[in-house]
Amino acid sequence: MSYIKMEGFHGTGVKNITSIFREGFITKHREDHWLGQGIYFYDNFDLAFWWIKCKLNSPYGHRCGVIKAVLECDSSEFLNLDSTSGMDYFVREIDKILTNEVSKTKFKFAIKEEDSIQNLCFALDLLKHLRGIKLISRTFPSKSPEPTYASESIPQFEKKHFIFPLNFTYVERQMCATSNEVVVKKYCLYPKNRTNWT
């Protein structure tokens, strides 16, 4: 039996930190979660802090908190959608499920992007429920060449040094834990001047 161990960073309001340490993370059901239902983490502090600042409309970080979590599960319960084997598993198992197990399930024809996201969310929830997947990770490219969380502009750099195109884009890796069972440790990284989290 082999285990997967990862670190994730979760942005939240400061008012939630004490209850997260006492009772665990609370998940909210949504049909448009891009990795299915669960607890979401970024793979670095900066993105988690940026996300909660935007969500709370808090430009200087007031009311914002970031929790670092250690995530652990058996390797058979982990789905890495950045790997060839992970994508092959997704395609193969969803095909089996839709053909043999829930064949009457009908997906909404994806005309709009939100339809595609809802379909993916539902498919990943099927994998979690029927195949025992407890942790999923995926890297998303930024939709903009200049995401608001980045301090440097790649397009401006390329324009200034036109003979040195990078063809890079910023990316964000996210993890989704199905439940608190996957979260084996938690640390409060921000704000640092508080000690009453446990």
Foldseek 3Di string as FASTA:
>chain_A
DDKDKAKFKAKDFPVCLQVCLVPNDDWDDDLQDQQATFGKTWRDDLVNQVVNCVVVVPVVSPRMWMKMFMFMDHPQQEAEPVDPVSVVCLVVVLVCCCVPPVVVDDQDPPPDPSSVSSVNNVSNVCCCVVVVRFKYKDKAFDPDQDDPSDPDRLVVVCVVVVVDRDPDGDIIMMMGGHGCVRTPDMDIPPPPVDDNND
